[in-house]
Amino acid sequence: MSTATKSERLSTTSAGRPRAGRPHRFEKSATTRKIDKTGGSFDGRFGEDVSRPDDMLPTHRRTVAATDTQIRFGSGESSLGTVLVAQSEHGIRAILIGDDPDALPRDLRDRFPRAQLIHGGAGFDRIVARVVAFVEASQSGLDLPLDPQGTAFQQRVWEALRNIPVGQTASYSEIARRIGAPKAIRAVGSACAANAIAVAIPCHRAVRSDGSLSGYRWGTERKRALLDREAKR
């Protein structure tokens, strides 16, 4: 991967994207706003047990890979809002969704502060287009490698999420049982909140035990829209 020029590197104010043609803003619930502020706290309704498994490290809110060098990123527009796509040399590192195109690159920087963030690059628009198309029709699958960064426990949760078939959901307690940590219900919820690869690691398919929707980092309305689309596949 070639070395970026200084002008290519990310600044916190240079990542504006066209706002025209987007649907209404997706409002965040109080629970989702709480997640944004804490990096993974929920409203306590996942289950009564708050046990934390040994591989759920205290630093789970922001995992930084020491080997990060370059991450290329770009944004596109979807019916769910702006989609930021970030890719390392190993695969898709992040898919972030939001209403504010300027806020998403800042979120990316916060998640990977040791990385050199490079805007765009040769052929990267095609990667962004493929991911945006996938967000619009997740049942089609994403034929790109993923490079999720997280603790061993988070990786187990994310793998379990990827094993939930399109059109189906699983409760946090069920996911905890599937990964062999039945008492770690709230830790499963925190792992879902820490997921940086929206839709491709489908944390939107995690629901409460009664089937109702809980907080979603990118807004409960988006979670409902994704599940409604997948149910109609």
C-alpha atoms as a PDB file:
ATOM      1  CA  MET A   1       0.000   0.000   0.000  1.00  0.00           C
ATOM      2  CA  SER A   2       1.541   3.320  -1.024  1.00  0.00           C
ATOM      3  CA  THR A   3       2.391   6.087   1.440  1.00  0.00           C
ATOM      4  CA  ALA A   4      -0.200   8.878   1.492  1.00  0.00           C
ATOM      5  CA  THR A   5       0.620  12.519   0.884  1.00  0.00           C
ATOM      6  CA  LYS A   6      -0.008  14.926   3.706  1.00  0.00           C
ATOM      7  CA  SER A   7      -3.022  16.397   1.921  1.00  0.00           C
ATOM      8  CA  GLU A   8      -4.716  12.994   1.765  1.00  0.00           C
ATOM      9  CA  ARG A   9      -4.677  12.506   5.521  1.00  0.00           C
ATOM     10  CA  LEU A  10      -7.778  13.024   7.531  1.00  0.00           C
ATOM     11  CA  SER A  11      -8.587  16.313   9.169  1.00  0.00           C
ATOM     12  CA  THR A  12     -11.561  16.603  11.469  1.00  0.00           C
ATOM     13  CA  THR A  13     -13.222  19.201   9.275  1.00  0.00           C
ATOM     14  CA  SER A  14     -12.497  18.049   5.727  1.00  0.00           C
ATOM     15  CA  ALA A  15     -14.758  15.059   5.278  1.00  0.00           C
ATOM     16  CA  GLY A  16     -18.007  16.713   4.265  1.00  0.00           C
ATOM     17  CA  ARG A  17     -20.279  14.803   1.928  1.00  0.00           C
ATOM     18  CA  PRO A  18     -23.295  15.843  -0.184  1.00  0.00           C
ATOM     19  CA  ARG A  19     -26.400  15.964   1.923  1.00  0.00           C
ATOM     20  CA  ALA A  20     -28.901  16.259  -0.886  1.00  0.00           C
ATOM     21  CA  GLY A  21     -31.254  13.427  -1.643  1.00  0.00           C
ATOM     22  CA  ARG A  22     -31.048  11.757   1.758  1.00  0.00           C
ATOM     23  CA  PRO A  23     -34.191  10.686   3.627  1.00  0.00           C
ATOM     24  CA  HIS A  24     -35.242  12.113   6.992  1.00  0.00           C
ATOM     25  CA  ARG A  25     -32.778  11.978   9.863  1.00  0.00           C
ATOM     26  CA  PHE A  26     -32.966   8.848  11.986  1.00  0.00           C
ATOM     27  CA  GLU A  27     -33.499   9.911  15.577  1.00  0.00           C
ATOM     28  CA  LYS A  28     -31.637   8.098  18.345  1.00  0.00           C
ATOM     29  CA  SER A  29     -33.473   6.791  21.367  1.00  0.00           C
ATOM     30  CA  ALA A  30     -32.370   7.749  24.874  1.00  0.00           C
ATOM     31  CA  THR A  31     -30.822   4.303  25.220  1.00  0.00           C
ATOM     32  CA  THR A  32     -28.827   4.726  22.010  1.00  0.00           C
ATOM     33  CA  ARG A  33     -27.589   8.152  23.106  1.00  0.00           C
ATOM     34  CA  LYS A  34     -26.416   6.519  26.320  1.00  0.00           C
ATOM     35  CA  ILE A  35     -24.488   3.951  24.300  1.00  0.00           C
ATOM     36  CA  ASP A  36     -22.791   6.736  22.310  1.00  0.00           C
ATOM     37  CA  LYS A  37     -21.618   8.453  25.470  1.00  0.00           C
ATOM     38  CA  THR A  38     -20.328   5.361  27.261  1.00  0.00           C
ATOM     39  CA  GLY A  39     -19.086   3.262  24.375  1.00  0.00           C
ATOM     40  CA  GLY A  40     -21.151   0.264  25.370  1.00  0.00           C
ATOM     41  CA  SER A  41     -23.489   0.821  28.311  1.00  0.00           C
ATOM     42  CA  PHE A  42     -27.075  -0.282  28.100  1.00  0.00           C
ATOM     43  CA  ASP A  43     -30.235   0.254  30.045  1.00  0.00           C
ATOM     44  CA  GLY A  44     -29.959  -2.890  32.140  1.00  0.00           C
ATOM     45  CA  ARG A  45     -32.761  -4.807  30.460  1.00  0.00           C
ATOM     46  CA  PHE A  46     -30.690  -7.530  28.794  1.00  0.00           C
ATOM     47  CA  GLY A  47     -30.838  -9.695  31.906  1.00  0.00           C
ATOM     48  CA  GLU A  48     -30.240  -9.648  35.622  1.00  0.00           C
ATOM     49  CA  ASP A  49     -26.847 -11.310  35.569  1.00  0.00           C
ATOM     50  CA  VAL A  50     -23.983  -8.870  35.064  1.00  0.00           C
ATOM     51  CA  SER A  51     -21.165 -11.414  35.066  1.00  0.00           C
ATOM     52  CA  ARG A  52     -18.187 -10.542  32.877  1.00  0.00           C
ATOM     53  CA  PRO A  53     -16.174 -13.384  31.334  1.00  0.00           C
ATOM     54  CA  ASP A  54     -12.416 -13.458  31.805  1.00  0.00           C
ATOM     55  CA  ASP A  55     -11.698 -12.530  28.176  1.00  0.00           C
ATOM     56  CA  MET A  56     -13.881  -9.411  28.343  1.00  0.00           C
ATOM     57  CA  LEU A  57     -11.093  -6.979  29.142  1.00  0.00           C
ATOM     58  CA  PRO A  58     -11.732  -3.570  30.752  1.00  0.00           C
ATOM     59  CA  THR A  59     -10.534  -1.920  27.542  1.00  0.00           C
ATOM     60  CA  HIS A  60     -13.375  -3.405  25.495  1.00  0.00           C
ATOM     61  CA  ARG A  61     -14.851   0.038  24.807  1.00  0.00           C
ATOM     62  CA  ARG A  62     -12.052   0.922  22.425  1.00  0.00           C
ATOM     63  CA  THR A  63      -9.713  -1.766  21.129  1.00  0.00           C
ATOM     64  CA  VAL A  64      -6.690  -0.478  19.250  1.00  0.00           C
ATOM     65  CA  ALA A  65      -4.522  -2.744  17.133  1.00  0.00           C
ATOM     66  CA  ALA A  66      -0.866  -1.983  17.782  1.00  0.00           C
ATOM     67  CA  THR A  67      -0.010  -2.994  14.226  1.00  0.00           C
ATOM     68  CA  ASP A  68      -2.335  -0.447  12.587  1.00  0.00           C
ATOM     69  CA  THR A  69      -0.546   1.454   9.828  1.00  0.00           C
ATOM     70  CA  GLN A  70      -2.943   2.661   7.141  1.00  0.00           C
ATOM     71  CA  ILE A  71      -6.724   2.604   6.882  1.00  0.00           C
ATOM     72  CA  ARG A  72      -8.376   3.956   3.753  1.00  0.00           C
ATOM     73  CA  PHE A  73     -11.880   5.313   4.062  1.00  0.00           C
ATOM     74  CA  GLY A  74     -14.627   6.886   2.015  1.00  0.00           C
ATOM     75  CA  SER A  75     -18.332   7.611   2.280  1.00  0.00           C
ATOM     76  CA  GLY A  76     -21.472   7.078   0.251  1.00  0.00           C
ATOM     77  CA  GLU A  77     -25.155   7.814   0.658  1.00  0.00           C
ATOM     78  CA  SER A  78     -27.855   5.246   1.402  1.00  0.00           C
ATOM     79  CA  SER A  79     -31.502   5.261   2.406  1.00  0.00           C
ATOM     80  CA  LEU A  80     -30.285   4.840   6.006  1.00  0.00           C
ATOM     81  CA  GLY A  81     -27.997   7.876   5.853  1.00  0.00           C
ATOM     82  CA  THR A  82     -24.302   8.323   5.189  1.00  0.00           C
ATOM     83  CA  VAL A  83     -22.254   5.126   5.150  1.00  0.00           C
ATOM     84  CA  LEU A  84     -18.543   5.389   5.950  1.00  0.00           C
ATOM     85  CA  VAL A  85     -16.428   2.456   4.810  1.00  0.00           C
ATOM     86  CA  ALA A  86     -12.922   1.883   6.182  1.00  0.00           C
ATOM     87  CA  GLN A  87     -10.525  -0.791   4.956  1.00  0.00           C
ATOM     88  CA  SER A  88      -7.154  -1.980   6.226  1.00  0.00           C
ATOM     89  CA  GLU A  89      -4.778  -4.178   4.262  1.00  0.00           C
ATOM     90  CA  HIS A  90      -6.585  -7.170   5.780  1.00  0.00           C
ATOM     91  CA  GLY A  91     -10.186  -6.243   5.041  1.00  0.00           C
ATOM     92  CA  ILE A  92     -13.114  -4.038   6.006  1.00  0.00           C
ATOM     93  CA  ARG A  93     -12.284  -2.472   9.359  1.00  0.00           C
ATOM     94  CA  ALA A  94     -15.427  -0.374   9.806  1.00  0.00           C
ATOM     95  CA  ILE A  95     -18.860   0.343   8.357  1.00  0.00           C
ATOM     96  CA  LEU A  96     -20.327   3.327  10.193  1.00  0.00           C
ATOM     97  CA  ILE A  97     -23.774   4.813   9.544  1.00  0.00           C
ATOM     98  CA  GLY A  98     -25.094   8.232  10.522  1.00  0.00           C
ATOM     99  CA  ASP A  99     -26.828  11.444   9.570  1.00  0.00           C
ATOM    100  CA  ASP A 100     -23.788  13.713   9.911  1.00  0.00           C
ATOM    101  CA  PRO A 101     -21.074  13.035   7.300  1.00  0.00           C
ATOM    102  CA  ASP A 102     -18.560  15.066   9.308  1.00  0.00           C
ATOM    103  CA  ALA A 103     -19.063  13.079  12.509  1.00  0.00           C
ATOM    104  CA  LEU A 104     -18.332   9.647  11.032  1.00  0.00           C
ATOM    105  CA  PRO A 105     -14.626  10.283  10.235  1.00  0.00           C
ATOM    106  CA  ARG A 106     -14.194  11.609  13.776  1.00  0.00           C
ATOM    107  CA  ASP A 107     -15.757   8.404  15.092  1.00  0.00           C
ATOM    108  CA  LEU A 108     -13.324   6.426  12.939  1.00  0.00           C
ATOM    109  CA  ARG A 109     -10.368   8.390  14.313  1.00  0.00           C
ATOM    110  CA  ASP A 110     -11.550   7.804  17.883  1.00  0.00           C
ATOM    111  CA  ARG A 111     -11.806   4.076  17.260  1.00  0.00           C
ATOM    112  CA  PHE A 112      -8.375   3.727  15.641  1.00  0.00           C
ATOM    113  CA  PRO A 113      -6.215   6.595  16.936  1.00  0.00           C
ATOM    114  CA  ARG A 114      -2.928   4.872  16.055  1.00  0.00           C
ATOM    115  CA  ALA A 115      -3.810   4.373  12.419  1.00  0.00           C
ATOM    116  CA  GLN A 116      -2.913   6.643   9.534  1.00  0.00           C
ATOM    117  CA  LEU A 117      -6.304   7.450   8.028  1.00  0.00           C
ATOM    118  CA  ILE A 118      -6.227   8.058   4.286  1.00  0.00           C
ATOM    119  CA  HIS A 119      -9.221   9.428   2.437  1.00  0.00           C
ATOM    120  CA  GLY A 120     -10.040   7.553  -0.742  1.00  0.00           C
ATOM    121  CA  GLY A 121      -7.440   6.170  -3.082  1.00  0.00           C
ATOM    122  CA  ALA A 122      -7.305   4.346  -6.386  1.00  0.00           C
ATOM    123  CA  GLY A 123     -10.377   2.196  -6.860  1.00  0.00           C
ATOM    124  CA  PHE A 124     -11.724   2.789  -3.362  1.00  0.00           C
ATOM    125  CA  ASP A 125     -14.948   4.314  -4.671  1.00  0.00           C
ATOM    126  CA  ARG A 126     -15.823   0.868  -6.010  1.00  0.00           C
ATOM    127  CA  ILE A 127     -15.353  -0.642  -2.547  1.00  0.00           C
ATOM    128  CA  VAL A 128     -17.613   2.020  -1.050  1.00  0.00           C
ATOM    129  CA  ALA A 129     -20.255   1.391  -3.736  1.00  0.00           C
ATOM    130  CA  ARG A 130     -20.216  -2.361  -3.020  1.00  0.00           C
ATOM    131  CA  VAL A 131     -20.682  -1.795   0.699  1.00  0.00           C
ATOM    132  CA  VAL A 132     -23.471   0.756   0.219  1.00  0.00           C
ATOM    133  CA  ALA A 133     -25.271  -1.688  -2.094  1.00  0.00           C
ATOM    134  CA  PHE A 134     -24.911  -4.341   0.600  1.00  0.00           C
ATOM    135  CA  VAL A 135     -26.343  -2.026   3.269  1.00  0.00           C
ATOM    136  CA  GLU A 136     -29.350  -1.459   1.014  1.00  0.00           C
ATOM    137  CA  ALA A 137     -29.826  -5.207   0.445  1.00  0.00           C
ATOM    138  CA  SER A 138     -28.034  -7.120   3.201  1.00  0.00           C
ATOM    139  CA  GLN A 139     -29.664 -10.388   2.163  1.00  0.00           C
ATOM    140  CA  SER A 140     -27.347 -10.379  -0.859  1.00  0.00           C
ATOM    141  CA  GLY A 141     -24.271 -10.783   1.350  1.00  0.00           C
ATOM    142  CA  LEU A 142     -20.965  -8.909   1.266  1.00  0.00           C
ATOM    143  CA  ASP A 143     -18.201 -10.595  -0.693  1.00  0.00           C
ATOM    144  CA  LEU A 144     -15.348  -8.720   0.979  1.00  0.00           C
ATOM    145  CA  PRO A 145     -13.041  -9.856   3.809  1.00  0.00           C
ATOM    146  CA  LEU A 146     -13.659  -8.340   7.235  1.00  0.00           C
ATOM    147  CA  ASP A 147     -11.024  -7.177   9.700  1.00  0.00           C
ATOM    148  CA  PRO A 148     -12.863  -6.691  13.020  1.00  0.00           C
ATOM    149  CA  GLN A 149     -10.831  -5.469  15.991  1.00  0.00           C
ATOM    150  CA  GLY A 150     -11.888  -6.529  19.467  1.00  0.00           C
ATOM    151  CA  THR A 151     -11.234  -8.687  22.500  1.00  0.00           C
ATOM    152  CA  ALA A 152     -11.443 -12.467  22.321  1.00  0.00           C
ATOM    153  CA  PHE A 153     -14.912 -12.312  23.882  1.00  0.00           C
ATOM    154  CA  GLN A 154     -16.132  -9.689  21.431  1.00  0.00           C
ATOM    155  CA  GLN A 155     -14.868 -11.773  18.516  1.00  0.00           C
ATOM    156  CA  ARG A 156     -16.897 -14.737  19.790  1.00  0.00           C
ATOM    157  CA  VAL A 157     -20.022 -12.604  20.028  1.00  0.00           C
ATOM    158  CA  TRP A 158     -19.495 -11.133  16.554  1.00  0.00           C
ATOM    159  CA  GLU A 159     -19.011 -14.582  15.051  1.00  0.00           C
ATOM    160  CA  ALA A 160     -22.260 -15.718  16.679  1.00  0.00           C
ATOM    161  CA  LEU A 161     -24.036 -12.692  15.206  1.00  0.00           C
ATOM    162  CA  ARG A 162     -22.764 -13.578  11.731  1.00  0.00           C
ATOM    163  CA  ASN A 163     -24.246 -17.034  12.162  1.00  0.00           C
ATOM    164  CA  ILE A 164     -27.783 -15.655  12.645  1.00  0.00           C
ATOM    165  CA  PRO A 165     -29.542 -16.223   9.299  1.00  0.00           C
ATOM    166  CA  VAL A 166     -30.960 -13.288   7.366  1.00  0.00           C
ATOM    167  CA  GLY A 167     -34.573 -12.733   8.379  1.00  0.00           C
ATOM    168  CA  GLN A 168     -34.071 -14.139  11.879  1.00  0.00           C
ATOM    169  CA  THR A 169     -33.103 -12.676  15.248  1.00  0.00           C
ATOM    170  CA  ALA A 170     -31.621 -13.977  18.497  1.00  0.00           C
ATOM    171  CA  SER A 171     -31.892 -12.660  22.037  1.00  0.00           C
ATOM    172  CA  TYR A 172     -28.853 -11.508  23.967  1.00  0.00           C
ATOM    173  CA  SER A 173     -29.328 -14.386  26.391  1.00  0.00           C
ATOM    174  CA  GLU A 174     -29.516 -16.855  23.513  1.00  0.00           C
ATOM    175  CA  ILE A 175     -26.309 -15.471  22.010  1.00  0.00           C
ATOM    176  CA  ALA A 176     -24.624 -15.766  25.406  1.00  0.00           C
ATOM    177  CA  ARG A 177     -25.614 -19.448  25.559  1.00  0.00           C
ATOM    178  CA  ARG A 178     -24.396 -20.061  22.011  1.00  0.00           C
ATOM    179  CA  ILE A 179     -20.900 -18.831  22.848  1.00  0.00           C
ATOM    180  CA  GLY A 180     -20.772 -20.836  26.064  1.00  0.00           C
ATOM    181  CA  ALA A 181     -21.131 -17.885  28.446  1.00  0.00           C
ATOM    182  CA  PRO A 182     -24.782 -18.034  29.558  1.00  0.00           C
ATOM    183  CA  LYS A 183     -24.297 -15.583  32.441  1.00  0.00           C
ATOM    184  CA  ALA A 184     -22.659 -12.909  30.289  1.00  0.00           C
ATOM    185  CA  ILE A 185     -25.839 -11.390  28.894  1.00  0.00           C
ATOM    186  CA  ARG A 186     -24.919  -7.759  29.481  1.00  0.00           C
ATOM    187  CA  ALA A 187     -21.383  -8.370  28.229  1.00  0.00           C
ATOM    188  CA  VAL A 188     -22.939  -9.654  24.996  1.00  0.00           C
ATOM    189  CA  GLY A 189     -24.895  -6.402  24.755  1.00  0.00           C
ATOM    190  CA  SER A 190     -21.715  -4.394  25.266  1.00  0.00           C
ATOM    191  CA  ALA A 191     -19.964  -6.409  22.549  1.00  0.00           C
ATOM    192  CA  CYS A 192     -22.806  -5.585  20.175  1.00  0.00           C
ATOM    193  CA  ALA A 193     -22.408  -1.885  21.017  1.00  0.00           C
ATOM    194  CA  ALA A 194     -18.648  -2.067  20.377  1.00  0.00           C
ATOM    195  CA  ASN A 195     -19.102  -3.511  16.880  1.00  0.00           C
ATOM    196  CA  ALA A 196     -17.663  -1.139  14.268  1.00  0.00           C
ATOM    197  CA  ILE A 197     -18.777  -3.102  11.185  1.00  0.00           C
ATOM    198  CA  ALA A 198     -22.483  -2.340  10.872  1.00  0.00           C
ATOM    199  CA  VAL A 199     -24.747  -4.754   8.982  1.00  0.00           C
ATOM    200  CA  ALA A 200     -21.894  -7.081   7.916  1.00  0.00           C
ATOM    201  CA  ILE A 201     -21.565  -8.062  11.579  1.00  0.00           C
ATOM    202  CA  PRO A 202     -25.326  -7.951  12.123  1.00  0.00           C
ATOM    203  CA  CYS A 203     -25.762  -6.707  15.670  1.00  0.00           C
ATOM    204  CA  HIS A 204     -29.142  -5.411  14.492  1.00  0.00           C
ATOM    205  CA  ARG A 205     -30.342  -9.037  14.713  1.00  0.00           C
ATOM    206  CA  ALA A 206     -29.818  -9.101  18.483  1.00  0.00           C
ATOM    207  CA  VAL A 207     -33.030  -8.381  20.396  1.00  0.00           C
ATOM    208  CA  ARG A 208     -34.435  -8.648  23.899  1.00  0.00           C
ATOM    209  CA  SER A 209     -35.829 -11.943  25.181  1.00  0.00           C
ATOM    210  CA  ASP A 210     -39.381 -10.809  24.437  1.00  0.00           C
ATOM    211  CA  GLY A 211     -38.439  -9.966  20.839  1.00  0.00           C
ATOM    212  CA  SER A 212     -38.569  -6.207  21.318  1.00  0.00           C
ATOM    213  CA  LEU A 213     -35.813  -3.923  20.038  1.00  0.00           C
ATOM    214  CA  SER A 214     -33.168  -2.554  22.355  1.00  0.00           C
ATOM    215  CA  GLY A 215     -30.587   0.139  21.729  1.00  0.00           C
ATOM    216  CA  TYR A 216     -28.617   0.166  18.488  1.00  0.00           C
ATOM    217  CA  ARG A 217     -25.502   2.256  18.087  1.00  0.00           C
ATOM    218  CA  TRP A 218     -26.749   3.710  14.792  1.00  0.00           C
ATOM    219  CA  GLY A 219     -30.314   4.309  16.000  1.00  0.00           C
ATOM    220  CA  THR A 220     -33.252   2.049  16.783  1.00  0.00           C
ATOM    221  CA  GLU A 221     -35.127   3.251  13.684  1.00  0.00           C
ATOM    222  CA  ARG A 222     -32.297   1.959  11.500  1.00  0.00           C
ATOM    223  CA  LYS A 223     -32.356  -1.331  13.372  1.00  0.00           C
ATOM    224  CA  ARG A 224     -36.077  -1.675  12.711  1.00  0.00           C
ATOM    225  CA  ALA A 225     -35.641  -0.733   9.043  1.00  0.00           C
ATOM    226  CA  LEU A 226     -32.904  -3.349   8.553  1.00  0.00           C
ATOM    227  CA  LEU A 227     -34.960  -6.093  10.220  1.00  0.00           C
ATOM    228  CA  ASP A 228     -38.071  -5.160   8.215  1.00  0.00           C
ATOM    229  CA  ARG A 229     -36.098  -5.372   4.957  1.00  0.00           C
ATOM    230  CA  GLU A 230     -34.604  -8.731   5.849  1.00  0.00           C
ATOM    231  CA  ALA A 231     -37.990 -10.125   6.885  1.00  0.00           C
ATOM    232  CA  LYS A 232     -39.305  -9.343   3.383  1.00  0.00           C
ATOM    233  CA  ARG A 233     -36.458 -11.003   1.490  1.00  0.00           C
END
